[in-house]
Amino acid sequence: MKSTKATCKLFSCLIVFLAFTAHVTAQADNAKVKEEIDEANKQFVQVYSSSGGAGVAAFYAKDAKVLPPNSGMIENNDDIGKFWKGVFDAGVKKFSLTALTVESLGKSAVETGKFIIYDANDKQIDAGKYLVFWKKEKDGWKLFRDIWNSSSPAKQ
């Protein structure tokens, strides 16, 4: 009887230890992946401004989908490049991205964040939130699903 109780206690301690170790490892993975995604976002913003929008298509996976507000879904890299060039040509000359959370899921990750967009005179046009599902490919993290919307009240 005593050996069964001792075995149960030892087994319980082992489960707690393994759960703690998995939690610590997951936190370290999340921190590393967040750093990598923060860097990808920084490059995305730089390329957007320097290429007139079209260059950011390279940051998307080949099977990516962009889900912009008040628009249909965009499903291929050529159209993604055209979309972002259109955004640039419409007056959005730069923006900032701030990742609030990144949850690593192995070869994928989910990012939740906030954005601010600016015109050519650095005047804020809008601000909002976004959700990106990232996919790890051989050449780094790629946007797989990209959706955002404004935090401003709808105009009536």
N, C-alpha and C. Protein backbone atom coordinates (compact mmCIF):
# COMPACT_ATOMS: atom_id res chain seq x y z
N MET A 1 0.82 -1.19 0.00
CA MET A 1 0.00 0.00 0.00
C MET A 1 0.87 1.25 0.00
N LYS A 2 1.93 1.26 0.87
CA LYS A 2 2.80 2.42 0.94
C LYS A 2 3.51 2.65 -0.39
N SER A 3 3.94 1.57 -1.04
CA SER A 3 4.66 1.73 -2.30
C SER A 3 3.73 2.28 -3.38
N THR A 4 2.46 1.96 -3.35
CA THR A 4 1.50 2.49 -4.31
C THR A 4 1.33 3.99 -4.10
N LYS A 5 1.21 4.44 -2.82
CA LYS A 5 1.07 5.87 -2.53
C LYS A 5 2.34 6.61 -2.94
N ALA A 6 3.48 6.02 -2.63
CA ALA A 6 4.76 6.65 -2.98
C ALA A 6 4.90 6.75 -4.51
N THR A 7 4.49 5.71 -5.20
CA THR A 7 4.54 5.71 -6.66
C THR A 7 3.61 6.78 -7.22
N CYS A 8 2.42 6.91 -6.65
CA CYS A 8 1.47 7.94 -7.11
C CYS A 8 2.02 9.33 -6.86
N LYS A 9 2.64 9.57 -5.69
CA LYS A 9 3.23 10.87 -5.40
C LYS A 9 4.36 11.18 -6.37
N LEU A 10 5.22 10.17 -6.59
CA LEU A 10 6.33 10.36 -7.52
C LEU A 10 5.81 10.65 -8.93
N PHE A 11 4.79 9.92 -9.36
CA PHE A 11 4.20 10.11 -10.68
C PHE A 11 3.57 11.51 -10.79
N SER A 12 2.89 11.95 -9.74
CA SER A 12 2.29 13.28 -9.72
C SER A 12 3.36 14.36 -9.81
N CYS A 13 4.45 14.19 -9.07
CA CYS A 13 5.56 15.15 -9.13
C CYS A 13 6.16 15.19 -10.53
N LEU A 14 6.29 14.04 -11.15
CA LEU A 14 6.84 13.97 -12.50
C LEU A 14 5.93 14.70 -13.49
N ILE A 15 4.64 14.53 -13.37
CA ILE A 15 3.69 15.21 -14.26
C ILE A 15 3.79 16.73 -14.08
N VAL A 16 3.85 17.19 -12.84
CA VAL A 16 3.97 18.63 -12.57
C VAL A 16 5.28 19.16 -13.16
N PHE A 17 6.36 18.43 -12.96
CA PHE A 17 7.66 18.84 -13.50
C PHE A 17 7.62 18.93 -15.03
N LEU A 18 7.06 17.93 -15.68
CA LEU A 18 6.98 17.92 -17.14
C LEU A 18 6.10 19.06 -17.66
N ALA A 19 5.00 19.31 -16.99
CA ALA A 19 4.11 20.41 -17.38
C ALA A 19 4.83 21.75 -17.24
N PHE A 20 5.55 21.93 -16.14
CA PHE A 20 6.31 23.16 -15.92
C PHE A 20 7.38 23.33 -16.99
N THR A 21 8.11 22.26 -17.28
CA THR A 21 9.16 22.30 -18.30
C THR A 21 8.57 22.64 -19.66
N ALA A 22 7.45 22.04 -20.00
CA ALA A 22 6.79 22.34 -21.29
C ALA A 22 6.36 23.79 -21.34
N HIS A 23 5.85 24.32 -20.24
CA HIS A 23 5.42 25.72 -20.18
C HIS A 23 6.60 26.66 -20.38
N VAL A 24 7.70 26.40 -19.70
CA VAL A 24 8.90 27.24 -19.82
C VAL A 24 9.44 27.17 -21.25
N THR A 25 9.46 25.98 -21.84
CA THR A 25 9.94 25.82 -23.22
C THR A 25 9.04 26.57 -24.19
N ALA A 26 7.72 26.48 -23.99
CA ALA A 26 6.77 27.19 -24.86
C ALA A 26 6.97 28.70 -24.76
N GLN A 27 7.22 29.22 -23.56
CA GLN A 27 7.46 30.65 -23.39
C GLN A 27 8.72 31.07 -24.13
N ALA A 28 9.77 30.26 -24.05
CA ALA A 28 11.02 30.57 -24.75
C ALA A 28 10.80 30.54 -26.26
N ASP A 29 10.05 29.54 -26.75
CA ASP A 29 9.73 29.47 -28.18
C ASP A 29 8.94 30.70 -28.61
N ASN A 30 7.93 31.09 -27.83
CA ASN A 30 7.13 32.27 -28.16
C ASN A 30 8.00 33.51 -28.23
N ALA A 31 8.92 33.69 -27.30
CA ALA A 31 9.79 34.87 -27.29
C ALA A 31 10.68 34.89 -28.53
N LYS A 32 11.25 33.75 -28.88
CA LYS A 32 12.12 33.67 -30.06
C LYS A 32 11.32 33.95 -31.33
N VAL A 33 10.17 33.33 -31.46
CA VAL A 33 9.33 33.53 -32.64
C VAL A 33 8.85 34.98 -32.71
N LYS A 34 8.51 35.57 -31.56
CA LYS A 34 8.08 36.98 -31.56
C LYS A 34 9.20 37.87 -32.07
N GLU A 35 10.43 37.62 -31.65
CA GLU A 35 11.57 38.41 -32.16
C GLU A 35 11.68 38.27 -33.68
N GLU A 36 11.54 37.07 -34.19
CA GLU A 36 11.64 36.84 -35.63
C GLU A 36 10.50 37.53 -36.37
N ILE A 37 9.30 37.48 -35.82
CA ILE A 37 8.15 38.12 -36.47
C ILE A 37 8.25 39.64 -36.36
N ASP A 38 8.73 40.14 -35.22
CA ASP A 38 8.97 41.59 -35.11
C ASP A 38 9.93 42.06 -36.20
N GLU A 39 10.97 41.28 -36.45
CA GLU A 39 11.94 41.64 -37.50
C GLU A 39 11.28 41.57 -38.88
N ALA A 40 10.47 40.54 -39.14
CA ALA A 40 9.76 40.44 -40.42
C ALA A 40 8.82 41.62 -40.61
N ASN A 41 8.13 42.03 -39.54
CA ASN A 41 7.24 43.19 -39.62
C ASN A 41 8.02 44.46 -39.93
N LYS A 42 9.17 44.61 -39.30
CA LYS A 42 10.02 45.79 -39.54
C LYS A 42 10.43 45.84 -41.01
N GLN A 43 10.85 44.71 -41.55
CA GLN A 43 11.24 44.66 -42.96
C GLN A 43 10.05 44.90 -43.88
N PHE A 44 8.89 44.35 -43.52
CA PHE A 44 7.66 44.54 -44.30
C PHE A 44 7.35 46.03 -44.43
N VAL A 45 7.41 46.76 -43.31
CA VAL A 45 7.12 48.20 -43.30
C VAL A 45 8.13 48.95 -44.16
N GLN A 46 9.41 48.60 -44.04
CA GLN A 46 10.45 49.27 -44.83
C GLN A 46 10.26 49.02 -46.33
N VAL A 47 10.01 47.77 -46.70
CA VAL A 47 9.84 47.43 -48.11
C VAL A 47 8.58 48.08 -48.65
N TYR A 48 7.51 48.12 -47.87
CA TYR A 48 6.28 48.77 -48.31
C TYR A 48 6.56 50.22 -48.71
N SER A 49 7.22 50.97 -47.84
CA SER A 49 7.48 52.38 -48.10
C SER A 49 8.44 52.58 -49.27
N SER A 50 9.45 51.74 -49.38
CA SER A 50 10.46 51.93 -50.42
C SER A 50 10.04 51.40 -51.79
N SER A 51 9.09 50.46 -51.83
CA SER A 51 8.70 49.85 -53.11
C SER A 51 7.36 50.37 -53.62
N GLY A 52 6.75 51.29 -52.90
CA GLY A 52 5.43 51.74 -53.31
C GLY A 52 4.36 50.69 -53.09
N GLY A 53 4.62 49.79 -52.14
CA GLY A 53 3.62 48.79 -51.76
C GLY A 53 3.79 47.43 -52.41
N ALA A 54 4.14 47.41 -53.69
CA ALA A 54 4.14 46.15 -54.44
C ALA A 54 5.15 45.13 -53.92
N GLY A 55 6.27 45.57 -53.36
CA GLY A 55 7.33 44.67 -52.92
C GLY A 55 6.97 43.77 -51.76
N VAL A 56 5.91 44.07 -51.04
CA VAL A 56 5.59 43.27 -49.85
C VAL A 56 4.98 41.92 -50.19
N ALA A 57 4.62 41.70 -51.44
CA ALA A 57 4.08 40.38 -51.82
C ALA A 57 5.06 39.26 -51.48
N ALA A 58 6.35 39.56 -51.49
CA ALA A 58 7.37 38.55 -51.19
C ALA A 58 7.32 38.08 -49.73
N PHE A 59 6.65 38.82 -48.87
CA PHE A 59 6.54 38.44 -47.46
C PHE A 59 5.41 37.43 -47.22
N TYR A 60 4.62 37.17 -48.25
CA TYR A 60 3.47 36.28 -48.13
C TYR A 60 3.80 34.88 -48.67
N ALA A 61 3.23 33.88 -48.03
CA ALA A 61 3.34 32.51 -48.53
C ALA A 61 2.67 32.42 -49.90
N LYS A 62 3.09 31.44 -50.69
CA LYS A 62 2.52 31.29 -52.04
C LYS A 62 1.02 31.04 -52.00
N ASP A 63 0.53 30.42 -50.94
CA ASP A 63 -0.90 30.12 -50.81
C ASP A 63 -1.59 31.05 -49.80
N ALA A 64 -1.04 32.25 -49.67
CA ALA A 64 -1.57 33.22 -48.70
C ALA A 64 -2.93 33.76 -49.13
N LYS A 65 -3.63 34.28 -48.14
CA LYS A 65 -4.89 34.98 -48.37
C LYS A 65 -4.86 36.26 -47.54
N VAL A 66 -5.23 37.37 -48.17
CA VAL A 66 -5.35 38.65 -47.48
C VAL A 66 -6.83 38.98 -47.41
N LEU A 67 -7.27 39.37 -46.22
CA LEU A 67 -8.69 39.64 -45.99
C LEU A 67 -8.87 41.09 -45.53
N PRO A 68 -8.75 42.04 -46.46
CA PRO A 68 -8.85 43.45 -46.08
C PRO A 68 -10.30 43.83 -45.76
N PRO A 69 -10.46 44.89 -44.97
CA PRO A 69 -11.82 45.34 -44.67
C PRO A 69 -12.50 45.91 -45.92
N ASN A 70 -13.79 45.74 -45.98
CA ASN A 70 -14.62 46.32 -47.06
C ASN A 70 -14.15 45.89 -48.45
N SER A 71 -13.69 44.66 -48.58
CA SER A 71 -13.16 44.17 -49.84
C SER A 71 -13.27 42.65 -49.88
N GLY A 72 -13.14 42.11 -51.08
CA GLY A 72 -13.10 40.67 -51.21
C GLY A 72 -11.77 40.10 -50.77
N MET A 73 -11.70 38.79 -50.69
CA MET A 73 -10.48 38.10 -50.31
C MET A 73 -9.50 38.13 -51.48
N ILE A 74 -8.22 38.32 -51.18
CA ILE A 74 -7.18 38.34 -52.20
C ILE A 74 -6.36 37.07 -52.02
N GLU A 75 -6.21 36.29 -53.13
CA GLU A 75 -5.73 34.92 -52.98
C GLU A 75 -4.45 34.54 -53.70
N ASN A 76 -3.75 35.45 -54.35
CA ASN A 76 -2.47 35.05 -54.94
C ASN A 76 -1.48 36.20 -54.84
N ASN A 77 -0.20 35.87 -54.94
CA ASN A 77 0.84 36.86 -54.68
C ASN A 77 0.82 38.03 -55.65
N ASP A 78 0.51 37.79 -56.92
CA ASP A 78 0.42 38.90 -57.87
C ASP A 78 -0.66 39.89 -57.44
N ASP A 79 -1.83 39.35 -57.09
CA ASP A 79 -2.92 40.22 -56.66
C ASP A 79 -2.63 40.88 -55.31
N ILE A 80 -1.91 40.18 -54.44
CA ILE A 80 -1.51 40.78 -53.16
C ILE A 80 -0.60 41.97 -53.41
N GLY A 81 0.38 41.83 -54.31
CA GLY A 81 1.25 42.94 -54.67
C GLY A 81 0.47 44.11 -55.26
N LYS A 82 -0.47 43.81 -56.15
CA LYS A 82 -1.31 44.87 -56.75
C LYS A 82 -2.16 45.56 -55.69
N PHE A 83 -2.69 44.76 -54.75
CA PHE A 83 -3.51 45.35 -53.68
C PHE A 83 -2.69 46.37 -52.88
N TRP A 84 -1.49 45.95 -52.41
CA TRP A 84 -0.68 46.84 -51.59
C TRP A 84 -0.18 48.05 -52.38
N LYS A 85 0.09 47.89 -53.67
CA LYS A 85 0.45 49.03 -54.50
C LYS A 85 -0.73 50.00 -54.57
N GLY A 86 -1.94 49.46 -54.70
CA GLY A 86 -3.14 50.30 -54.72
C GLY A 86 -3.34 51.07 -53.42
N VAL A 87 -3.04 50.41 -52.30
CA VAL A 87 -3.14 51.08 -50.99
C VAL A 87 -2.14 52.24 -50.94
N PHE A 88 -0.91 51.99 -51.39
CA PHE A 88 0.11 53.03 -51.41
C PHE A 88 -0.32 54.19 -52.32
N ASP A 89 -0.78 53.86 -53.52
CA ASP A 89 -1.20 54.88 -54.48
C ASP A 89 -2.41 55.67 -53.99
N ALA A 90 -3.22 55.06 -53.12
CA ALA A 90 -4.40 55.74 -52.57
C ALA A 90 -4.03 56.70 -51.44
N GLY A 91 -2.77 56.73 -51.03
CA GLY A 91 -2.36 57.72 -50.04
C GLY A 91 -1.77 57.19 -48.74
N VAL A 92 -1.81 55.87 -48.55
CA VAL A 92 -1.19 55.30 -47.35
C VAL A 92 0.29 55.13 -47.66
N LYS A 93 1.10 56.05 -47.16
CA LYS A 93 2.52 56.04 -47.52
C LYS A 93 3.39 55.28 -46.53
N LYS A 94 2.91 55.16 -45.30
CA LYS A 94 3.64 54.34 -44.33
C LYS A 94 2.70 53.93 -43.21
N PHE A 95 3.16 52.98 -42.44
CA PHE A 95 2.37 52.51 -41.29
C PHE A 95 3.30 51.91 -40.26
N SER A 96 2.78 51.74 -39.07
CA SER A 96 3.53 51.06 -38.01
C SER A 96 2.74 49.83 -37.59
N LEU A 97 3.47 48.80 -37.23
CA LEU A 97 2.88 47.56 -36.73
C LEU A 97 3.47 47.28 -35.35
N THR A 98 2.60 46.96 -34.41
CA THR A 98 3.05 46.61 -33.06
C THR A 98 2.44 45.27 -32.69
N ALA A 99 3.28 44.25 -32.64
CA ALA A 99 2.82 42.92 -32.23
C ALA A 99 2.57 42.94 -30.72
N LEU A 100 1.37 42.62 -30.32
CA LEU A 100 1.05 42.55 -28.89
C LEU A 100 1.30 41.15 -28.35
N THR A 101 0.91 40.15 -29.11
CA THR A 101 1.15 38.76 -28.72
C THR A 101 1.54 37.94 -29.94
N VAL A 102 2.38 36.95 -29.71
CA VAL A 102 2.71 35.96 -30.73
C VAL A 102 2.68 34.61 -30.03
N GLU A 103 1.88 33.72 -30.55
CA GLU A 103 1.78 32.36 -30.01
C GLU A 103 2.38 31.40 -31.03
N SER A 104 3.48 30.78 -30.66
CA SER A 104 4.15 29.83 -31.53
C SER A 104 3.40 28.50 -31.51
N LEU A 105 3.19 27.97 -32.70
CA LEU A 105 2.49 26.69 -32.84
C LEU A 105 3.34 25.74 -33.70
N GLY A 106 4.63 25.70 -33.43
CA GLY A 106 5.54 24.86 -34.22
C GLY A 106 5.95 25.59 -35.48
N LYS A 107 5.50 25.09 -36.63
CA LYS A 107 5.84 25.71 -37.91
C LYS A 107 4.83 26.78 -38.31
N SER A 108 4.02 27.20 -37.37
CA SER A 108 3.10 28.31 -37.60
C SER A 108 3.02 29.14 -36.32
N ALA A 109 2.48 30.33 -36.45
CA ALA A 109 2.34 31.22 -35.30
C ALA A 109 1.17 32.15 -35.56
N VAL A 110 0.59 32.63 -34.48
CA VAL A 110 -0.51 33.59 -34.55
C VAL A 110 -0.06 34.87 -33.87
N GLU A 111 -0.19 35.97 -34.60
CA GLU A 111 0.18 37.28 -34.08
C GLU A 111 -1.07 38.15 -33.98
N THR A 112 -1.21 38.84 -32.86
CA THR A 112 -2.25 39.84 -32.66
C THR A 112 -1.55 41.16 -32.41
N GLY A 113 -2.02 42.21 -33.08
CA GLY A 113 -1.33 43.48 -32.92
C GLY A 113 -2.18 44.68 -33.24
N LYS A 114 -1.51 45.84 -33.23
CA LYS A 114 -2.15 47.12 -33.55
C LYS A 114 -1.36 47.79 -34.67
N PHE A 115 -2.08 48.58 -35.48
CA PHE A 115 -1.43 49.31 -36.56
C PHE A 115 -1.85 50.77 -36.52
N ILE A 116 -1.00 51.61 -37.11
CA ILE A 116 -1.33 53.01 -37.37
C ILE A 116 -0.88 53.28 -38.80
N ILE A 117 -1.75 53.94 -39.59
CA ILE A 117 -1.38 54.28 -40.96
C ILE A 117 -1.28 55.79 -41.11
N TYR A 118 -0.36 56.20 -42.00
CA TYR A 118 -0.03 57.62 -42.19
C TYR A 118 -0.05 57.99 -43.67
N ASP A 119 -0.32 59.27 -43.93
CA ASP A 119 -0.23 59.78 -45.29
C ASP A 119 1.19 60.29 -45.57
N ALA A 120 1.38 60.93 -46.72
CA ALA A 120 2.70 61.41 -47.12
C ALA A 120 3.25 62.50 -46.19
N ASN A 121 2.36 63.19 -45.46
CA ASN A 121 2.77 64.25 -44.55
C ASN A 121 2.90 63.76 -43.10
N ASP A 122 2.95 62.46 -42.92
CA ASP A 122 3.03 61.83 -41.60
C ASP A 122 1.80 62.11 -40.73
N LYS A 123 0.69 62.44 -41.37
CA LYS A 123 -0.57 62.63 -40.65
C LYS A 123 -1.22 61.25 -40.48
N GLN A 124 -1.66 60.97 -39.26
CA GLN A 124 -2.32 59.69 -39.01
C GLN A 124 -3.66 59.65 -39.74
N ILE A 125 -3.84 58.61 -40.52
CA ILE A 125 -5.09 58.42 -41.27
C ILE A 125 -6.05 57.53 -40.49
N ASP A 126 -5.51 56.49 -39.88
CA ASP A 126 -6.36 55.52 -39.19
C ASP A 126 -5.49 54.70 -38.23
N ALA A 127 -6.15 53.98 -37.36
CA ALA A 127 -5.50 53.04 -36.45
C ALA A 127 -6.46 51.88 -36.22
N GLY A 128 -5.90 50.72 -35.94
CA GLY A 128 -6.75 49.56 -35.72
C GLY A 128 -5.98 48.38 -35.20
N LYS A 129 -6.55 47.22 -35.43
CA LYS A 129 -5.95 45.98 -34.93
C LYS A 129 -5.88 44.96 -36.05
N TYR A 130 -5.01 43.96 -35.86
CA TYR A 130 -4.84 42.95 -36.89
C TYR A 130 -4.59 41.58 -36.27
N LEU A 131 -4.76 40.58 -37.10
CA LEU A 131 -4.47 39.20 -36.74
C LEU A 131 -3.77 38.58 -37.95
N VAL A 132 -2.60 38.01 -37.73
CA VAL A 132 -1.86 37.35 -38.81
C VAL A 132 -1.56 35.92 -38.37
N PHE A 133 -1.83 35.00 -39.27
CA PHE A 133 -1.43 33.61 -39.10
C PHE A 133 -0.19 33.44 -39.95
N TRP A 134 0.95 33.17 -39.32
CA TRP A 134 2.23 33.04 -39.99
C TRP A 134 2.55 31.58 -40.27
N LYS A 135 3.34 31.34 -41.29
CA LYS A 135 3.75 30.00 -41.67
C LYS A 135 5.27 30.00 -41.84
N LYS A 136 5.94 29.06 -41.19
CA LYS A 136 7.41 28.96 -41.29
C LYS A 136 7.75 28.18 -42.55
N GLU A 137 8.47 28.85 -43.45
CA GLU A 137 8.92 28.20 -44.68
C GLU A 137 10.44 28.16 -44.69
N LYS A 138 11.03 27.52 -45.67
CA LYS A 138 12.48 27.35 -45.68
C LYS A 138 13.23 28.67 -45.68
N ASP A 139 12.63 29.74 -46.19
CA ASP A 139 13.30 31.05 -46.22
C ASP A 139 12.77 32.01 -45.15
N GLY A 140 12.11 31.47 -44.12
CA GLY A 140 11.68 32.30 -43.00
C GLY A 140 10.16 32.32 -42.82
N TRP A 141 9.73 33.20 -41.93
CA TRP A 141 8.31 33.34 -41.63
C TRP A 141 7.61 34.09 -42.75
N LYS A 142 6.46 33.57 -43.18
CA LYS A 142 5.66 34.18 -44.24
C LYS A 142 4.23 34.39 -43.73
N LEU A 143 3.63 35.48 -44.15
CA LEU A 143 2.23 35.72 -43.81
C LEU A 143 1.38 34.72 -44.59
N PHE A 144 0.53 34.01 -43.88
CA PHE A 144 -0.33 33.00 -44.49
C PHE A 144 -1.77 33.49 -44.56
N ARG A 145 -2.25 34.07 -43.49
CA ARG A 145 -3.56 34.72 -43.45
C ARG A 145 -3.38 36.07 -42.78
N ASP A 146 -3.92 37.11 -43.39
CA ASP A 146 -3.69 38.49 -42.94
C ASP A 146 -5.03 39.22 -42.94
N ILE A 147 -5.46 39.65 -41.76
CA ILE A 147 -6.75 40.35 -41.64
C ILE A 147 -6.61 41.49 -40.65
N TRP A 148 -7.29 42.59 -40.91
CA TRP A 148 -7.22 43.76 -40.04
C TRP A 148 -8.50 44.58 -40.19
N ASN A 149 -8.72 45.46 -39.22
CA ASN A 149 -9.82 46.41 -39.34
C ASN A 149 -9.57 47.61 -38.45
N SER A 150 -10.27 48.66 -38.78
CA SER A 150 -10.11 49.94 -38.10
C SER A 150 -10.70 49.89 -36.70
N SER A 151 -10.14 50.69 -35.82
CA SER A 151 -10.73 50.88 -34.50
C SER A 151 -11.60 52.14 -34.45
N SER A 152 -11.65 52.87 -35.55
CA SER A 152 -12.48 54.08 -35.63
C SER A 152 -13.93 53.69 -35.81
N PRO A 153 -14.86 54.47 -35.24
CA PRO A 153 -16.28 54.18 -35.45
C PRO A 153 -16.65 54.29 -36.94
N ALA A 154 -17.57 53.46 -37.36
CA ALA A 154 -18.03 53.52 -38.76
C ALA A 154 -18.72 54.85 -39.01
N LYS A 155 -18.48 55.40 -40.20
CA LYS A 155 -19.13 56.66 -40.58
C LYS A 155 -20.53 56.37 -41.04
N GLN A 156 -21.45 57.25 -40.65
CA GLN A 156 -22.86 57.02 -41.05
C GLN A 156 -23.37 58.14 -41.89
